[in-house]
Amino acid sequence: MMQRRDFLQLAALGGGAVSIAGLAGCADRMGTPDEFYFVQLSDLHWGFKGAPNPDARGTLPKAVAAVNALPKAPDFIVFTGDLTHTTDDPDERRRRMAEVKQMIAPLQVKNLRFMPGEHDASLDRGAAFKEFFGETYYRFDHKGVHFMALDNVSDRGTSLGAEQLDWMKTELAKLDPEAPLVVFTHRPLFPLVPRWDWHTRDGAQALELLMPHRHVTVFYGHIHQEHHQMTAHIAHHSAHSLMFPLPAPGTAEKPLPLPWDEAAPYRGLGWRGIEMERGQASMTEYPIKAAAGTHA
């Protein structure tokens, strides 16, 4: 397990460790969960080409190298969607997914969890994604914490759908409502900016199912920036992209990629580490940085 001093040292480089409200105090009744650490990578958009990122094939390898350089390897890594950039060509879609697997193969952590974004799954209802990365929604447990990955992208109507909601209800009924629960999604479950597709049409139904659980934290992607919001006691935390940042919620007509900043390359790009220690959780944001001795 990463030692606290190592984590705080890294936090100083990454912008500081922040307590995660949804999991704070989760040890009140059930005892302290085991210590562990995991990494969230999101919105790789492999296959993207354009001015918003002139190093489009370099940012993912930089993130892989940075994760491998951690003092202690994370317990697992989760990819919260848009592993590839959208394409109408099903053969190209599969080629990009195969390349993603090749690019992340050097990761020293072999416990990898994947979920799709709309760029991966909306055109074929996740068929290609399932061939390369497995199921689009599932649940697992790790060291005293429950995890649930949801799919709000395979349905082009931006919904989870009745079948998945029924699955959620069944799975959640198996869990102690006092136990810590982490939910991974691609789109936000709450209506952040519906006109930008930054929402889930039936997200309110999912949140209603989650409400009886006292210690819930949602980590998601899609909006390509850090954003934090509470819906009642449920905390929602979005992640940076590894390809290009997007405007702050609702600040533009459309959510188009922000221009590349030559004076500050990789601005707005990064990944996240989440640590559970002594029943408390904290997260740290790590920016993508230019290689030593280069400008990009």
C-alpha atoms as a PDB file:
ATOM      1  CA  MET A   1       0.000   0.000   0.000  1.00  0.00           C
ATOM      2  CA  MET A   2       1.216   3.525  -0.787  1.00  0.00           C
ATOM      3  CA  GLN A   3       2.457   5.089   2.444  1.00  0.00           C
ATOM      4  CA  ARG A   4       0.711   8.266   3.580  1.00  0.00           C
ATOM      5  CA  ARG A   5       3.923  10.300   3.351  1.00  0.00           C
ATOM      6  CA  ASP A   6       4.397   9.185  -0.266  1.00  0.00           C
ATOM      7  CA  PHE A   7       0.805  10.056  -1.113  1.00  0.00           C
ATOM      8  CA  LEU A   8       1.089  13.523   0.410  1.00  0.00           C
ATOM      9  CA  GLN A   9       4.372  14.123  -1.385  1.00  0.00           C
ATOM     10  CA  LEU A  10       2.694  13.266  -4.671  1.00  0.00           C
ATOM     11  CA  ALA A  11      -0.320  15.357  -3.696  1.00  0.00           C
ATOM     12  CA  ALA A  12       1.927  18.386  -3.392  1.00  0.00           C
ATOM     13  CA  LEU A  13       2.983  17.838  -6.997  1.00  0.00           C
ATOM     14  CA  GLY A  14      -0.510  17.139  -8.226  1.00  0.00           C
ATOM     15  CA  GLY A  15      -2.360  20.012  -6.615  1.00  0.00           C
ATOM     16  CA  GLY A  16      -3.256  18.639  -3.185  1.00  0.00           C
ATOM     17  CA  ALA A  17      -5.270  15.797  -1.728  1.00  0.00           C
ATOM     18  CA  VAL A  18      -8.980  16.547  -1.303  1.00  0.00           C
ATOM     19  CA  SER A  19     -11.295  14.672   1.047  1.00  0.00           C
ATOM     20  CA  ILE A  20     -14.122  12.812  -0.693  1.00  0.00           C
ATOM     21  CA  ALA A  21     -17.353  13.817   1.004  1.00  0.00           C
ATOM     22  CA  GLY A  22     -19.422  10.839  -0.082  1.00  0.00           C
ATOM     23  CA  LEU A  23     -17.094   8.337   1.576  1.00  0.00           C
ATOM     24  CA  ALA A  24     -16.073  10.414   4.577  1.00  0.00           C
ATOM     25  CA  GLY A  25     -17.107   8.691   7.775  1.00  0.00           C
ATOM     26  CA  CYS A  26     -17.975   5.430   6.040  1.00  0.00           C
ATOM     27  CA  ALA A  27     -16.292   3.510   8.850  1.00  0.00           C
ATOM     28  CA  ASP A  28     -18.677   4.830  11.508  1.00  0.00           C
ATOM     29  CA  ARG A  29     -20.703   1.618  11.806  1.00  0.00           C
ATOM     30  CA  MET A  30     -18.914  -1.077   9.861  1.00  0.00           C
ATOM     31  CA  GLY A  31     -15.339  -0.646  10.997  1.00  0.00           C
ATOM     32  CA  THR A  32     -12.423   0.634   8.957  1.00  0.00           C
ATOM     33  CA  PRO A  33     -12.121  -0.777   5.424  1.00  0.00           C
ATOM     34  CA  ASP A  34      -8.700  -1.956   4.308  1.00  0.00           C
ATOM     35  CA  GLU A  35      -6.352   0.660   2.901  1.00  0.00           C
ATOM     36  CA  PHE A  36      -6.066   0.832  -0.861  1.00  0.00           C
ATOM     37  CA  TYR A  37      -5.390   3.172  -3.736  1.00  0.00           C
ATOM     38  CA  PHE A  38      -6.763   3.271  -7.279  1.00  0.00           C
ATOM     39  CA  VAL A  39      -6.361   5.449 -10.364  1.00  0.00           C
ATOM     40  CA  GLN A  40      -8.991   6.904 -12.693  1.00  0.00           C
ATOM     41  CA  LEU A  41      -8.103   7.595 -16.326  1.00  0.00           C
ATOM     42  CA  SER A  42     -10.786   9.079 -18.549  1.00  0.00           C
ATOM     43  CA  ASP A  43     -11.566  10.318 -22.043  1.00  0.00           C
ATOM     44  CA  LEU A  44      -8.476   9.078 -23.879  1.00  0.00           C
ATOM     45  CA  HIS A  45     -10.117   9.769 -27.275  1.00  0.00           C
ATOM     46  CA  TRP A  46      -7.534   7.625 -29.040  1.00  0.00           C
ATOM     47  CA  GLY A  47      -7.730   8.381 -32.755  1.00  0.00           C
ATOM     48  CA  PHE A  48      -8.415  12.098 -32.346  1.00  0.00           C
ATOM     49  CA  LYS A  49      -6.416  14.414 -34.587  1.00  0.00           C
ATOM     50  CA  GLY A  50      -6.537  18.176 -34.583  1.00  0.00           C
ATOM     51  CA  ALA A  51      -5.242  21.507 -33.341  1.00  0.00           C
ATOM     52  CA  PRO A  52      -6.642  21.108 -29.784  1.00  0.00           C
ATOM     53  CA  ASN A  53      -3.886  18.547 -29.153  1.00  0.00           C
ATOM     54  CA  PRO A  54      -0.850  18.467 -31.463  1.00  0.00           C
ATOM     55  CA  ASP A  55       0.536  15.646 -29.291  1.00  0.00           C
ATOM     56  CA  ALA A  56      -2.566  13.471 -29.649  1.00  0.00           C
ATOM     57  CA  ARG A  57      -0.550  10.240 -29.705  1.00  0.00           C
ATOM     58  CA  GLY A  58       1.659  11.309 -26.820  1.00  0.00           C
ATOM     59  CA  THR A  59      -0.631  12.145 -23.917  1.00  0.00           C
ATOM     60  CA  LEU A  60      -1.749   8.584 -23.180  1.00  0.00           C
ATOM     61  CA  PRO A  61       1.842   7.263 -23.058  1.00  0.00           C
ATOM     62  CA  LYS A  62       2.722  10.137 -20.727  1.00  0.00           C
ATOM     63  CA  ALA A  63      -0.103   9.142 -18.386  1.00  0.00           C
ATOM     64  CA  VAL A  64       0.968   5.480 -18.503  1.00  0.00           C
ATOM     65  CA  ALA A  65       4.531   6.462 -17.610  1.00  0.00           C
ATOM     66  CA  ALA A  66       3.342   8.692 -14.752  1.00  0.00           C
ATOM     67  CA  VAL A  67       1.179   5.936 -13.253  1.00  0.00           C
ATOM     68  CA  ASN A  68       4.075   3.487 -13.532  1.00  0.00           C
ATOM     69  CA  ALA A  69       6.279   6.000 -11.695  1.00  0.00           C
ATOM     70  CA  LEU A  70       4.080   6.043  -8.581  1.00  0.00           C
ATOM     71  CA  PRO A  71       5.987   4.918  -5.452  1.00  0.00           C
ATOM     72  CA  LYS A  72       3.547   2.019  -5.028  1.00  0.00           C
ATOM     73  CA  ALA A  73       1.391   0.493  -7.744  1.00  0.00           C
ATOM     74  CA  PRO A  74      -2.350   1.181  -7.427  1.00  0.00           C
ATOM     75  CA  ASP A  75      -4.619  -1.713  -6.549  1.00  0.00           C
ATOM     76  CA  PHE A  76      -6.459  -1.165  -9.827  1.00  0.00           C
ATOM     77  CA  ILE A  77      -7.033   1.343 -12.616  1.00  0.00           C
ATOM     78  CA  VAL A  78     -10.443   2.300 -13.979  1.00  0.00           C
ATOM     79  CA  PHE A  79     -10.997   3.850 -17.415  1.00  0.00           C
ATOM     80  CA  THR A  80     -14.236   5.854 -17.307  1.00  0.00           C
ATOM     81  CA  GLY A  81     -15.102   5.960 -20.980  1.00  0.00           C
ATOM     82  CA  ASP A  82     -14.279   7.421 -24.380  1.00  0.00           C
ATOM     83  CA  LEU A  83     -11.239   5.240 -24.766  1.00  0.00           C
ATOM     84  CA  THR A  84     -11.438   6.004 -28.489  1.00  0.00           C
ATOM     85  CA  HIS A  85     -12.584   8.919 -30.612  1.00  0.00           C
ATOM     86  CA  THR A  86     -15.773   8.318 -32.549  1.00  0.00           C
ATOM     87  CA  THR A  87     -15.716   6.949 -36.078  1.00  0.00           C
ATOM     88  CA  ASP A  88     -18.460   5.713 -38.399  1.00  0.00           C
ATOM     89  CA  ASP A  89     -16.153   2.979 -39.702  1.00  0.00           C
ATOM     90  CA  PRO A  90     -16.586  -0.190 -37.568  1.00  0.00           C
ATOM     91  CA  ASP A  91     -13.208  -1.534 -38.715  1.00  0.00           C
ATOM     92  CA  GLU A  92     -11.484   1.698 -37.702  1.00  0.00           C
ATOM     93  CA  ARG A  93     -13.330   1.633 -34.369  1.00  0.00           C
ATOM     94  CA  ARG A  94     -11.911  -1.821 -33.650  1.00  0.00           C
ATOM     95  CA  ARG A  95      -8.447  -0.811 -34.831  1.00  0.00           C
ATOM     96  CA  ARG A  96      -8.446   2.089 -32.390  1.00  0.00           C
ATOM     97  CA  MET A  97      -9.578  -0.144 -29.547  1.00  0.00           C
ATOM     98  CA  ALA A  98      -6.816  -2.613 -30.358  1.00  0.00           C
ATOM     99  CA  GLU A  99      -4.306   0.257 -30.310  1.00  0.00           C
ATOM    100  CA  VAL A 100      -5.571   1.401 -26.898  1.00  0.00           C
ATOM    101  CA  LYS A 101      -4.888  -2.077 -25.538  1.00  0.00           C
ATOM    102  CA  GLN A 102      -1.390  -1.925 -27.010  1.00  0.00           C
ATOM    103  CA  MET A 103      -0.720   1.538 -25.582  1.00  0.00           C
ATOM    104  CA  ILE A 104      -1.772   0.590 -22.048  1.00  0.00           C
ATOM    105  CA  ALA A 105      -0.026  -2.795 -22.092  1.00  0.00           C
ATOM    106  CA  PRO A 106       3.077  -1.291 -20.374  1.00  0.00           C
ATOM    107  CA  LEU A 107       1.015  -0.455 -17.276  1.00  0.00           C
ATOM    108  CA  GLN A 108       2.513  -2.341 -14.364  1.00  0.00           C
ATOM    109  CA  VAL A 109      -0.970  -2.679 -12.836  1.00  0.00           C
ATOM    110  CA  LYS A 110      -2.776  -5.602 -14.413  1.00  0.00           C
ATOM    111  CA  ASN A 111      -6.099  -5.164 -12.576  1.00  0.00           C
ATOM    112  CA  LEU A 112      -7.787  -2.908 -15.135  1.00  0.00           C
ATOM    113  CA  ARG A 113     -11.465  -1.970 -15.214  1.00  0.00           C
ATOM    114  CA  PHE A 114     -13.063  -0.550 -18.349  1.00  0.00           C
ATOM    115  CA  MET A 115     -16.318   1.138 -19.223  1.00  0.00           C
ATOM    116  CA  PRO A 116     -17.386   2.786 -22.479  1.00  0.00           C
ATOM    117  CA  GLY A 117     -18.094   6.353 -23.456  1.00  0.00           C
ATOM    118  CA  GLU A 118     -20.485   7.407 -26.204  1.00  0.00           C
ATOM    119  CA  HIS A 119     -17.546   7.665 -28.624  1.00  0.00           C
ATOM    120  CA  ASP A 120     -16.874   3.968 -28.024  1.00  0.00           C
ATOM    121  CA  ALA A 121     -20.374   2.559 -27.893  1.00  0.00           C
ATOM    122  CA  SER A 122     -23.259   4.716 -29.107  1.00  0.00           C
ATOM    123  CA  LEU A 123     -23.020   3.759 -32.800  1.00  0.00           C
ATOM    124  CA  ASP A 124     -23.109  -0.022 -32.245  1.00  0.00           C
ATOM    125  CA  ARG A 125     -24.641  -0.293 -28.744  1.00  0.00           C
ATOM    126  CA  GLY A 126     -21.268  -1.299 -27.344  1.00  0.00           C
ATOM    127  CA  ALA A 127     -20.661  -4.298 -29.618  1.00  0.00           C
ATOM    128  CA  ALA A 128     -17.036  -3.489 -30.458  1.00  0.00           C
ATOM    129  CA  PHE A 129     -16.300  -2.385 -26.899  1.00  0.00           C
ATOM    130  CA  LYS A 130     -17.509  -5.727 -25.525  1.00  0.00           C
ATOM    131  CA  GLU A 131     -15.229  -7.586 -27.946  1.00  0.00           C
ATOM    132  CA  PHE A 132     -12.159  -5.804 -26.601  1.00  0.00           C
ATOM    133  CA  PHE A 133     -12.960  -4.804 -23.022  1.00  0.00           C
ATOM    134  CA  GLY A 134     -15.872  -6.898 -21.721  1.00  0.00           C
ATOM    135  CA  GLU A 135     -19.236  -5.994 -20.255  1.00  0.00           C
ATOM    136  CA  THR A 136     -20.387  -2.393 -20.245  1.00  0.00           C
ATOM    137  CA  TYR A 137     -21.873  -2.492 -16.740  1.00  0.00           C
ATOM    138  CA  TYR A 138     -20.995  -4.675 -13.761  1.00  0.00           C
ATOM    139  CA  ARG A 139     -20.285  -4.707 -10.027  1.00  0.00           C
ATOM    140  CA  PHE A 140     -17.274  -5.777  -7.970  1.00  0.00           C
ATOM    141  CA  ASP A 141     -15.974  -5.508  -4.401  1.00  0.00           C
ATOM    142  CA  HIS A 142     -12.530  -4.522  -3.229  1.00  0.00           C
ATOM    143  CA  LYS A 143     -11.237  -4.440   0.344  1.00  0.00           C
ATOM    144  CA  GLY A 144     -14.500  -3.570   2.044  1.00  0.00           C
ATOM    145  CA  VAL A 145     -15.826  -1.165  -0.602  1.00  0.00           C
ATOM    146  CA  HIS A 146     -18.513  -1.942  -3.193  1.00  0.00           C
ATOM    147  CA  PHE A 147     -18.033  -0.714  -6.768  1.00  0.00           C
ATOM    148  CA  MET A 148     -20.621  -0.414  -9.517  1.00  0.00           C
ATOM    149  CA  ALA A 149     -19.863   0.539 -13.141  1.00  0.00           C
ATOM    150  CA  LEU A 150     -22.845   1.840 -15.124  1.00  0.00           C
ATOM    151  CA  ASP A 151     -23.407   2.232 -18.875  1.00  0.00           C
ATOM    152  CA  ASN A 152     -25.210   5.447 -19.835  1.00  0.00           C
ATOM    153  CA  VAL A 153     -23.736   5.623 -23.334  1.00  0.00           C
ATOM    154  CA  SER A 154     -24.649   2.495 -25.333  1.00  0.00           C
ATOM    155  CA  ASP A 155     -28.219   3.793 -25.572  1.00  0.00           C
ATOM    156  CA  ARG A 156     -28.064   6.704 -28.034  1.00  0.00           C
ATOM    157  CA  GLY A 157     -30.900   8.268 -26.058  1.00  0.00           C
ATOM    158  CA  THR A 158     -28.405   8.887 -23.215  1.00  0.00           C
ATOM    159  CA  SER A 159     -30.269   6.540 -20.866  1.00  0.00           C
ATOM    160  CA  LEU A 160     -29.373   3.615 -18.647  1.00  0.00           C
ATOM    161  CA  GLY A 161     -32.545   1.841 -19.695  1.00  0.00           C
ATOM    162  CA  ALA A 162     -35.090  -0.268 -17.827  1.00  0.00           C
ATOM    163  CA  GLU A 163     -33.003  -3.453 -17.962  1.00  0.00           C
ATOM    164  CA  GLN A 164     -29.976  -1.835 -16.351  1.00  0.00           C
ATOM    165  CA  LEU A 165     -32.087  -0.036 -13.743  1.00  0.00           C
ATOM    166  CA  ASP A 166     -33.643  -3.372 -12.800  1.00  0.00           C
ATOM    167  CA  TRP A 167     -30.142  -4.842 -12.532  1.00  0.00           C
ATOM    168  CA  MET A 168     -29.104  -1.937 -10.290  1.00  0.00           C
ATOM    169  CA  LYS A 169     -32.098  -2.519  -8.025  1.00  0.00           C
ATOM    170  CA  THR A 170     -31.269  -6.215  -7.706  1.00  0.00           C
ATOM    171  CA  GLU A 171     -27.564  -5.645  -7.039  1.00  0.00           C
ATOM    172  CA  LEU A 172     -28.092  -2.809  -4.570  1.00  0.00           C
ATOM    173  CA  ALA A 173     -30.536  -4.943  -2.592  1.00  0.00           C
ATOM    174  CA  LYS A 174     -27.645  -7.320  -1.865  1.00  0.00           C
ATOM    175  CA  LEU A 175     -25.557  -4.573  -0.217  1.00  0.00           C
ATOM    176  CA  ASP A 176     -25.522  -3.175   3.298  1.00  0.00           C
ATOM    177  CA  PRO A 177     -26.773   0.435   2.928  1.00  0.00           C
ATOM    178  CA  GLU A 178     -24.129   1.506   5.461  1.00  0.00           C
ATOM    179  CA  ALA A 179     -21.270   0.076   3.373  1.00  0.00           C
ATOM    180  CA  PRO A 180     -19.201   2.439   1.200  1.00  0.00           C
ATOM    181  CA  LEU A 181     -20.274   2.382  -2.438  1.00  0.00           C
ATOM    182  CA  VAL A 182     -18.387   3.842  -5.405  1.00  0.00           C
ATOM    183  CA  VAL A 183     -20.203   4.265  -8.722  1.00  0.00           C
ATOM    184  CA  PHE A 184     -18.432   4.789 -12.042  1.00  0.00           C
ATOM    185  CA  THR A 185     -20.264   6.344 -14.990  1.00  0.00           C
ATOM    186  CA  HIS A 186     -19.275   8.150 -18.141  1.00  0.00           C
ATOM    187  CA  ARG A 187     -21.943  10.837 -18.350  1.00  0.00           C
ATOM    188  CA  PRO A 188     -23.068  12.614 -15.170  1.00  0.00           C
ATOM    189  CA  LEU A 189     -26.127  11.036 -13.571  1.00  0.00           C
ATOM    190  CA  PHE A 190     -27.513  14.465 -12.671  1.00  0.00           C
ATOM    191  CA  PRO A 191     -28.611  17.164 -15.203  1.00  0.00           C
ATOM    192  CA  LEU A 192     -25.424  19.235 -15.376  1.00  0.00           C
ATOM    193  CA  VAL A 193     -26.011  20.754 -18.847  1.00  0.00           C
ATOM    194  CA  PRO A 194     -28.690  18.732 -20.660  1.00  0.00           C
ATOM    195  CA  ARG A 195     -28.446  20.791 -23.883  1.00  0.00           C
ATOM    196  CA  TRP A 196     -24.793  19.749 -24.085  1.00  0.00           C
ATOM    197  CA  ASP A 197     -25.616  16.080 -23.505  1.00  0.00           C
ATOM    198  CA  TRP A 198     -24.091  16.427 -20.025  1.00  0.00           C
ATOM    199  CA  HIS A 199     -26.792  14.399 -18.292  1.00  0.00           C
ATOM    200  CA  THR A 200     -28.482  10.978 -18.157  1.00  0.00           C
ATOM    201  CA  ARG A 201     -32.153  10.979 -19.126  1.00  0.00           C
ATOM    202  CA  ASP A 202     -33.106   8.446 -16.476  1.00  0.00           C
ATOM    203  CA  GLY A 203     -30.329   9.429 -14.080  1.00  0.00           C
ATOM    204  CA  ALA A 204     -32.875  10.564 -11.490  1.00  0.00           C
ATOM    205  CA  GLN A 205     -34.137   6.981 -11.282  1.00  0.00           C
ATOM    206  CA  ALA A 206     -30.598   5.708 -10.697  1.00  0.00           C
ATOM    207  CA  LEU A 207     -30.015   8.311  -7.988  1.00  0.00           C
ATOM    208  CA  GLU A 208     -33.288   7.322  -6.333  1.00  0.00           C
ATOM    209  CA  LEU A 209     -32.049   3.737  -6.170  1.00  0.00           C
ATOM    210  CA  LEU A 210     -28.764   4.928  -4.658  1.00  0.00           C
ATOM    211  CA  MET A 211     -30.329   7.248  -2.063  1.00  0.00           C
ATOM    212  CA  PRO A 212     -30.858   4.579   0.651  1.00  0.00           C
ATOM    213  CA  HIS A 213     -27.088   3.971   0.660  1.00  0.00           C
ATOM    214  CA  ARG A 214     -25.463   6.419   3.046  1.00  0.00           C
ATOM    215  CA  HIS A 215     -21.921   6.567   1.666  1.00  0.00           C
ATOM    216  CA  VAL A 216     -22.005   6.905  -2.119  1.00  0.00           C
ATOM    217  CA  THR A 217     -19.426   8.550  -4.367  1.00  0.00           C
ATOM    218  CA  VAL A 218     -19.758   8.819  -8.141  1.00  0.00           C
ATOM    219  CA  PHE A 219     -16.711   9.235 -10.377  1.00  0.00           C
ATOM    220  CA  TYR A 220     -17.416  10.098 -14.005  1.00  0.00           C
ATOM    221  CA  GLY A 221     -15.833  11.493 -17.172  1.00  0.00           C
ATOM    222  CA  HIS A 222     -17.366  13.016 -20.328  1.00  0.00           C
ATOM    223  CA  ILE A 223     -17.012  16.706 -19.424  1.00  0.00           C
ATOM    224  CA  HIS A 224     -13.178  16.758 -19.650  1.00  0.00           C
ATOM    225  CA  GLN A 225     -12.596  18.789 -16.489  1.00  0.00           C
ATOM    226  CA  GLU A 226     -12.690  18.586 -12.721  1.00  0.00           C
ATOM    227  CA  HIS A 227     -16.156  19.315 -11.342  1.00  0.00           C
ATOM    228  CA  HIS A 228     -17.708  18.505  -7.970  1.00  0.00           C
ATOM    229  CA  GLN A 229     -21.390  18.387  -7.076  1.00  0.00           C
ATOM    230  CA  MET A 230     -23.655  16.940  -4.411  1.00  0.00           C
ATOM    231  CA  THR A 231     -27.119  15.471  -4.956  1.00  0.00           C
ATOM    232  CA  ALA A 232     -28.355  15.158  -1.386  1.00  0.00           C
ATOM    233  CA  HIS A 233     -25.611  13.058   0.303  1.00  0.00           C
ATOM    234  CA  ILE A 234     -24.229  11.617  -2.969  1.00  0.00           C
ATOM    235  CA  ALA A 235     -20.974  13.191  -4.152  1.00  0.00           C
ATOM    236  CA  HIS A 236     -20.162  13.433  -7.871  1.00  0.00           C
ATOM    237  CA  HIS A 237     -16.616  14.062  -9.140  1.00  0.00           C
ATOM    238  CA  SER A 238     -15.756  14.417 -12.835  1.00  0.00           C
ATOM    239  CA  ALA A 239     -12.289  13.756 -14.234  1.00  0.00           C
ATOM    240  CA  HIS A 240      -9.933  15.528 -16.599  1.00  0.00           C
ATOM    241  CA  SER A 241      -9.443  14.189 -20.115  1.00  0.00           C
ATOM    242  CA  LEU A 242      -6.189  12.880 -21.524  1.00  0.00           C
ATOM    243  CA  MET A 243      -6.878  14.501 -24.930  1.00  0.00           C
ATOM    244  CA  PHE A 244      -8.417  17.998 -24.706  1.00  0.00           C
ATOM    245  CA  PRO A 245     -10.300  20.137 -22.164  1.00  0.00           C
ATOM    246  CA  LEU A 246     -13.844  21.399 -22.690  1.00  0.00           C
ATOM    247  CA  PRO A 247     -15.501  24.668 -21.588  1.00  0.00           C
ATOM    248  CA  ALA A 248     -16.852  25.111 -18.086  1.00  0.00           C
ATOM    249  CA  PRO A 249     -20.468  23.944 -17.816  1.00  0.00           C
ATOM    250  CA  GLY A 250     -22.862  26.153 -19.766  1.00  0.00           C
ATOM    251  CA  THR A 251     -20.297  28.842 -20.677  1.00  0.00           C
ATOM    252  CA  ALA A 252     -20.426  28.443 -24.481  1.00  0.00           C
ATOM    253  CA  GLU A 253     -22.952  27.674 -27.182  1.00  0.00           C
ATOM    254  CA  LYS A 254     -21.447  24.224 -27.721  1.00  0.00           C
ATOM    255  CA  PRO A 255     -18.936  22.132 -25.739  1.00  0.00           C
ATOM    256  CA  LEU A 256     -16.110  22.348 -28.277  1.00  0.00           C
ATOM    257  CA  PRO A 257     -12.479  21.522 -27.394  1.00  0.00           C
ATOM    258  CA  LEU A 258     -10.536  24.431 -25.950  1.00  0.00           C
ATOM    259  CA  PRO A 259      -7.565  25.638 -28.011  1.00  0.00           C
ATOM    260  CA  TRP A 260      -4.100  24.272 -27.317  1.00  0.00           C
ATOM    261  CA  ASP A 261      -2.054  26.738 -25.274  1.00  0.00           C
ATOM    262  CA  GLU A 262       1.509  26.874 -26.565  1.00  0.00           C
ATOM    263  CA  ALA A 263       2.552  28.754 -23.433  1.00  0.00           C
ATOM    264  CA  ALA A 264       1.129  26.030 -21.217  1.00  0.00           C
ATOM    265  CA  PRO A 265       1.011  22.757 -23.177  1.00  0.00           C
ATOM    266  CA  TYR A 266      -1.228  20.025 -21.732  1.00  0.00           C
ATOM    267  CA  ARG A 267      -3.153  22.573 -19.670  1.00  0.00           C
ATOM    268  CA  GLY A 268      -6.379  20.955 -18.466  1.00  0.00           C
ATOM    269  CA  LEU A 269      -5.221  17.394 -19.160  1.00  0.00           C
ATOM    270  CA  GLY A 270      -4.652  14.897 -16.387  1.00  0.00           C
ATOM    271  CA  TRP A 271      -5.686  11.893 -14.323  1.00  0.00           C
ATOM    272  CA  ARG A 272      -6.711  11.133 -10.748  1.00  0.00           C
ATOM    273  CA  GLY A 273      -5.611   9.016  -7.805  1.00  0.00           C
ATOM    274  CA  ILE A 274      -8.038   7.975  -5.050  1.00  0.00           C
ATOM    275  CA  GLU A 275      -6.835   6.684  -1.687  1.00  0.00           C
ATOM    276  CA  MET A 276      -8.810   4.976   1.065  1.00  0.00           C
ATOM    277  CA  GLU A 277      -7.073   5.103   4.437  1.00  0.00           C
ATOM    278  CA  ARG A 278      -8.461   4.581   7.952  1.00  0.00           C
ATOM    279  CA  GLY A 279     -12.047   4.781   6.714  1.00  0.00           C
ATOM    280  CA  GLN A 280     -11.497   8.108   4.963  1.00  0.00           C
ATOM    281  CA  ALA A 281     -11.051   8.732   1.254  1.00  0.00           C
ATOM    282  CA  SER A 282      -9.119  11.438  -0.566  1.00  0.00           C
ATOM    283  CA  MET A 283      -8.294  12.159  -4.184  1.00  0.00           C
ATOM    284  CA  THR A 284      -5.455  13.892  -5.965  1.00  0.00           C
ATOM    285  CA  GLU A 285      -5.404  15.378  -9.457  1.00  0.00           C
ATOM    286  CA  TYR A 286      -2.246  14.832 -11.522  1.00  0.00           C
ATOM    287  CA  PRO A 287      -1.639  17.053 -14.568  1.00  0.00           C
ATOM    288  CA  ILE A 288      -0.073  15.727 -17.745  1.00  0.00           C
ATOM    289  CA  LYS A 289       3.355  17.258 -18.048  1.00  0.00           C
ATOM    290  CA  ALA A 290       5.747  17.784 -20.920  1.00  0.00           C
ATOM    291  CA  ALA A 291       8.724  15.448 -20.984  1.00  0.00           C
ATOM    292  CA  ALA A 292      11.893  16.948 -19.492  1.00  0.00           C
ATOM    293  CA  GLY A 293      13.814  18.998 -22.017  1.00  0.00           C
ATOM    294  CA  THR A 294      10.895  19.383 -24.444  1.00  0.00           C
ATOM    295  CA  HIS A 295       8.221  21.970 -25.109  1.00  0.00           C
ATOM    296  CA  ALA A 296       5.485  19.418 -25.798  1.00  0.00           C
END
